[in-house]
Amino acid sequence: MCADIDYQNQSDYVHRLHQLFGNKGTKHLDLACGTGPHVRYFIDKGYQSSGLDINQPMLDIAGVRCPEADFILQDMCEFTVVQPVDLITCFLYSIHYSNGIERLKSCISSAHAALSDGGVFCFNAVEKNKISNASVISHTVDYDDSHFVFSSGWNYPGSGDKQLLKLSIEKSTPQEKQCWQDEHPMVAISFSELKSLLEPYFEVYTFEHDYEKIMPLDGRSGNAIFACVKI
């Protein structure tokens, strides 16, 4: 499912943002870290990295991948840390798993409380008013004598703070074809609404969703990277 994700490029990009806007500290926490691929790259860059997720089996895999890191079973909308960190990341649009404005507010407050002075909270997000329900992104991969097609797309009803991430997986072998469909409830929010939630806590910078180049958001894109500096 994640075969085409360039975890290293994403991690390198956020590292550059932290060098530009952050306090240059090396204590890092990855929210919704999953099996820890981003954590691995931050460790390799010299960070004291840790991860947080609500899925213990994923954290078990992350611990094997990154034995140097600490992994915490907590909800990213209500988490605490023992010591402040300098950089908090939340990749792959996982900030939307907050699933509701109030829980998103709690996530933002928790991140602010966990950061040291001048620390950075960095994540990517989608603008609810620019979602095309007909738009689907797909990729394929061959694995263990099977051919997989993984597709995902946002679905927003046009009002409110709820949207769905619709997922589809097809698995084909010489003997059979299997299909799975799933829907994940996600929070829906506009960029202006998101900035208004962030600005009491952070100095907010928004960038184009391009991990190759750091460019200010032009206002037309429906995807953005947020770099939020604790104030």
Protein backbone atom coordinates (compact mmCIF):
# COMPACT_ATOMS: atom_id res chain seq x y z
CA MET A 1 0.00 0.00 0.00
CA CYS A 2 2.86 2.38 0.73
CA ALA A 3 5.32 1.12 -1.88
CA ASP A 4 5.45 4.42 -3.80
CA ILE A 5 5.88 6.74 -0.80
CA ASP A 6 9.26 8.48 -0.71
CA TYR A 7 9.72 8.59 3.06
CA GLN A 8 13.30 9.83 2.78
CA ASN A 9 12.37 12.78 0.56
CA GLN A 10 9.54 13.78 2.90
CA SER A 11 11.81 13.54 5.94
CA ASP A 12 14.58 15.52 4.24
CA TYR A 13 12.10 18.28 3.34
CA VAL A 14 10.85 18.68 6.90
CA HIS A 15 14.42 18.63 8.19
CA ARG A 16 15.15 21.60 5.89
CA LEU A 17 12.09 23.44 7.21
CA HIS A 18 13.23 22.83 10.77
CA GLN A 19 16.68 24.21 9.93
CA LEU A 20 15.10 27.32 8.39
CA PHE A 21 12.37 28.07 10.95
CA GLY A 22 13.01 25.98 14.06
CA ASN A 23 15.32 26.09 17.05
CA LYS A 24 17.84 23.64 15.51
CA GLY A 25 17.17 21.14 18.32
CA THR A 26 17.27 17.41 17.61
CA LYS A 27 14.48 15.95 19.75
CA HIS A 28 11.78 14.73 17.37
CA LEU A 29 8.33 13.14 17.72
CA ASP A 30 6.37 11.67 14.82
CA LEU A 31 2.59 11.57 15.34
CA ALA A 32 0.69 8.66 13.76
CA CYS A 33 4.09 7.13 13.11
CA GLY A 34 2.77 3.73 12.01
CA THR A 35 5.62 1.28 11.48
CA GLY A 36 8.24 4.04 11.81
CA PRO A 37 9.64 4.67 8.29
CA HIS A 38 9.93 8.44 8.83
CA VAL A 39 11.42 7.91 12.28
CA ARG A 40 14.15 5.78 10.71
CA TYR A 41 15.27 8.62 8.44
CA PHE A 42 15.23 11.21 11.22
CA ILE A 43 17.40 8.97 13.38
CA ASP A 44 19.81 8.58 10.48
CA LYS A 45 20.00 12.39 10.31
CA GLY A 46 21.09 12.58 13.94
CA TYR A 47 17.76 13.24 15.66
CA GLN A 48 16.71 11.74 18.98
CA SER A 49 13.53 10.48 17.41
CA SER A 50 10.40 8.93 18.87
CA GLY A 51 7.01 7.90 17.54
CA LEU A 52 3.41 7.90 18.70
CA ASP A 53 0.48 5.86 17.41
CA ILE A 54 -2.75 4.23 18.62
CA ASN A 55 -1.93 0.89 16.96
CA GLN A 56 0.29 -1.34 19.09
CA PRO A 57 1.02 -3.94 16.36
CA MET A 58 2.37 -1.14 14.15
CA LEU A 59 4.47 0.16 17.03
CA ASP A 60 5.88 -3.34 17.53
CA ILE A 61 7.11 -3.31 13.93
CA ALA A 62 8.44 0.23 14.38
CA GLY A 63 10.45 -0.93 17.40
CA VAL A 64 12.17 -3.57 15.26
CA ARG A 65 12.86 -1.04 12.49
CA CYS A 66 14.15 1.61 14.91
CA PRO A 67 15.46 0.00 18.11
CA GLU A 68 17.11 3.31 19.08
CA ALA A 69 13.74 5.10 19.28
CA ASP A 70 11.03 5.25 21.92
CA PHE A 71 7.52 4.42 20.71
CA ILE A 72 4.45 5.51 22.63
CA LEU A 73 0.92 4.09 22.54
CA GLN A 74 -1.16 7.28 22.75
CA ASP A 75 -3.90 9.17 20.93
CA MET A 76 -2.35 12.06 18.98
CA CYS A 77 -5.33 14.25 19.96
CA GLU A 78 -4.58 13.88 23.67
CA PHE A 79 -0.91 13.16 24.20
CA THR A 80 1.81 14.22 26.58
CA VAL A 81 5.59 13.88 26.58
CA VAL A 82 8.04 13.43 29.44
CA GLN A 83 10.43 16.04 28.04
CA PRO A 84 9.76 18.78 25.45
CA VAL A 85 10.72 18.04 21.85
CA ASP A 86 12.01 20.39 19.16
CA LEU A 87 10.17 19.01 16.14
CA ILE A 88 6.80 17.30 15.81
CA THR A 89 5.81 15.78 12.48
CA CYS A 90 2.58 14.29 11.19
CA PHE A 91 2.94 12.90 7.67
CA LEU A 92 0.58 11.43 5.05
CA TYR A 93 -2.35 13.72 5.90
CA SER A 94 -2.69 11.91 9.22
CA ILE A 95 -3.67 15.18 10.95
CA HIS A 96 -7.12 14.58 9.42
CA TYR A 97 -7.57 11.44 11.51
CA SER A 98 -8.50 13.86 14.29
CA ASN A 99 -12.04 13.39 12.87
CA GLY A 100 -13.75 16.50 14.18
CA ILE A 101 -12.86 20.12 14.91
CA GLU A 102 -12.79 19.69 18.68
CA ARG A 103 -10.38 16.77 18.49
CA LEU A 104 -8.25 18.69 16.00
CA LYS A 105 -8.11 21.59 18.46
CA SER A 106 -6.97 19.16 21.14
CA CYS A 107 -4.26 17.78 18.83
CA ILE A 108 -2.96 21.30 18.15
CA SER A 109 -2.98 22.14 21.87
CA SER A 110 -1.16 18.89 22.72
CA ALA A 111 1.51 19.57 20.07
CA HIS A 112 2.05 23.11 21.36
CA ALA A 113 2.43 21.88 24.94
CA ALA A 114 4.91 19.18 23.88
CA LEU A 115 7.23 21.54 21.98
CA SER A 116 10.18 23.44 23.37
CA ASP A 117 10.45 27.19 22.70
CA GLY A 118 10.88 27.82 18.99
CA GLY A 119 9.98 24.23 18.16
CA VAL A 120 8.18 23.32 14.92
CA PHE A 121 4.97 21.38 14.30
CA CYS A 122 4.93 20.25 10.66
CA PHE A 123 2.18 18.39 8.80
CA ASN A 124 0.36 18.24 5.48
CA ALA A 125 -3.35 18.90 4.97
CA VAL A 126 -6.07 19.08 2.35
CA GLU A 127 -8.43 22.05 1.80
CA LYS A 128 -12.05 20.84 2.09
CA ASN A 129 -13.42 23.36 -0.41
CA LYS A 130 -11.07 22.21 -3.16
CA ILE A 131 -11.72 18.48 -2.93
CA SER A 132 -12.91 16.78 -6.10
CA ASN A 133 -14.87 13.70 -5.10
CA ALA A 134 -14.18 12.19 -8.50
CA SER A 135 -10.40 12.42 -8.10
CA VAL A 136 -8.67 9.13 -7.27
CA ILE A 137 -4.95 8.40 -6.97
CA SER A 138 -3.80 4.86 -7.76
CA HIS A 139 -0.55 2.93 -7.83
CA THR A 140 0.43 -0.67 -8.42
CA VAL A 141 3.00 -3.02 -6.95
CA ASP A 142 3.96 -6.65 -7.42
CA TYR A 143 4.64 -8.52 -4.21
CA ASP A 144 4.89 -12.20 -3.29
CA ASP A 145 3.54 -13.47 -6.64
CA SER A 146 0.56 -11.09 -6.47
CA HIS A 147 -0.31 -7.87 -8.31
CA PHE A 148 -1.84 -5.12 -6.16
CA VAL A 149 -3.70 -1.95 -7.16
CA PHE A 150 -4.16 0.55 -4.34
CA SER A 151 -6.48 3.55 -4.83
CA SER A 152 -7.51 6.39 -2.54
CA GLY A 153 -9.60 9.54 -2.81
CA TRP A 154 -11.17 12.21 -0.63
CA ASN A 155 -14.94 12.58 -0.43
CA TYR A 156 -16.48 15.74 1.04
CA PRO A 157 -20.28 16.23 1.12
CA GLY A 158 -19.97 20.00 0.68
CA SER A 159 -20.63 21.20 4.22
CA GLY A 160 -19.62 20.46 7.79
CA ASP A 161 -16.39 19.23 9.35
CA LYS A 162 -16.53 15.58 8.26
CA GLN A 163 -15.12 13.92 5.17
CA LEU A 164 -14.15 10.41 4.13
CA LEU A 165 -10.93 8.92 2.85
CA LYS A 166 -12.10 6.17 0.50
CA LEU A 167 -9.71 3.28 -0.08
CA SER A 168 -9.69 0.39 -2.52
CA ILE A 169 -7.31 -2.57 -2.76
CA GLU A 170 -7.29 -5.12 -5.56
CA LYS A 171 -5.15 -8.26 -5.33
CA SER A 172 -4.69 -10.42 -8.42
CA THR A 173 -3.02 -13.80 -8.68
CA PRO A 174 -3.10 -16.32 -11.54
CA GLN A 175 -5.88 -18.10 -9.64
CA GLU A 176 -8.18 -15.30 -8.47
CA LYS A 177 -8.88 -11.60 -8.01
CA GLN A 178 -9.91 -10.12 -4.66
CA CYS A 179 -11.18 -6.60 -3.88
CA TRP A 180 -11.52 -4.67 -0.62
CA GLN A 181 -13.24 -1.33 -0.03
CA ASP A 182 -12.86 0.82 3.08
CA GLU A 183 -13.74 4.29 4.33
CA HIS A 184 -11.95 6.28 7.03
CA PRO A 185 -13.78 9.17 8.75
CA MET A 186 -11.62 12.30 8.69
CA VAL A 187 -11.91 15.92 9.79
CA ALA A 188 -12.72 18.38 6.99
CA ILE A 189 -11.40 21.92 7.29
CA SER A 190 -10.46 24.86 5.10
CA PHE A 191 -6.96 26.29 5.20
CA SER A 192 -8.28 29.58 6.58
CA GLU A 193 -10.10 27.72 9.37
CA LEU A 194 -7.01 25.66 10.11
CA LYS A 195 -4.82 28.77 10.31
CA SER A 196 -7.26 30.36 12.75
CA LEU A 197 -6.94 27.32 15.02
CA LEU A 198 -3.15 27.35 14.81
CA GLU A 199 -2.39 31.07 15.14
CA PRO A 200 -3.09 31.41 18.90
CA TYR A 201 -0.24 28.92 19.43
CA PHE A 202 2.10 29.24 16.45
CA GLU A 203 3.59 31.44 13.78
CA VAL A 204 2.17 29.67 10.73
CA TYR A 205 3.85 29.20 7.35
CA THR A 206 2.14 27.40 4.45
CA PHE A 207 3.93 25.85 1.50
CA GLU A 208 3.11 24.12 -1.75
CA HIS A 209 2.78 20.36 -1.44
CA ASP A 210 6.09 19.75 -3.20
CA TYR A 211 8.80 17.87 -1.33
CA GLU A 212 11.44 18.88 -3.87
CA LYS A 213 11.17 22.66 -3.46
CA ILE A 214 10.19 24.95 -0.59
CA MET A 215 7.67 27.36 -2.15
CA PRO A 216 4.97 29.51 -0.51
CA LEU A 217 1.41 28.33 -1.06
CA ASP A 218 -0.05 30.15 -4.08
CA GLY A 219 -3.66 30.02 -2.88
CA ARG A 220 -4.89 27.82 -5.72
CA SER A 221 -3.71 24.46 -4.48
CA GLY A 222 -5.89 22.16 -2.40
CA ASN A 223 -2.90 20.51 -0.70
CA ALA A 224 -0.40 22.24 1.56
CA ILE A 225 2.43 21.69 4.00
CA PHE A 226 2.14 23.61 7.27
CA ALA A 227 5.20 24.62 9.29
CA CYS A 228 4.12 26.01 12.66
CA VAL A 229 6.66 27.63 14.99
CA LYS A 230 5.78 27.71 18.69
CA ILE A 231 5.28 31.20 20.09
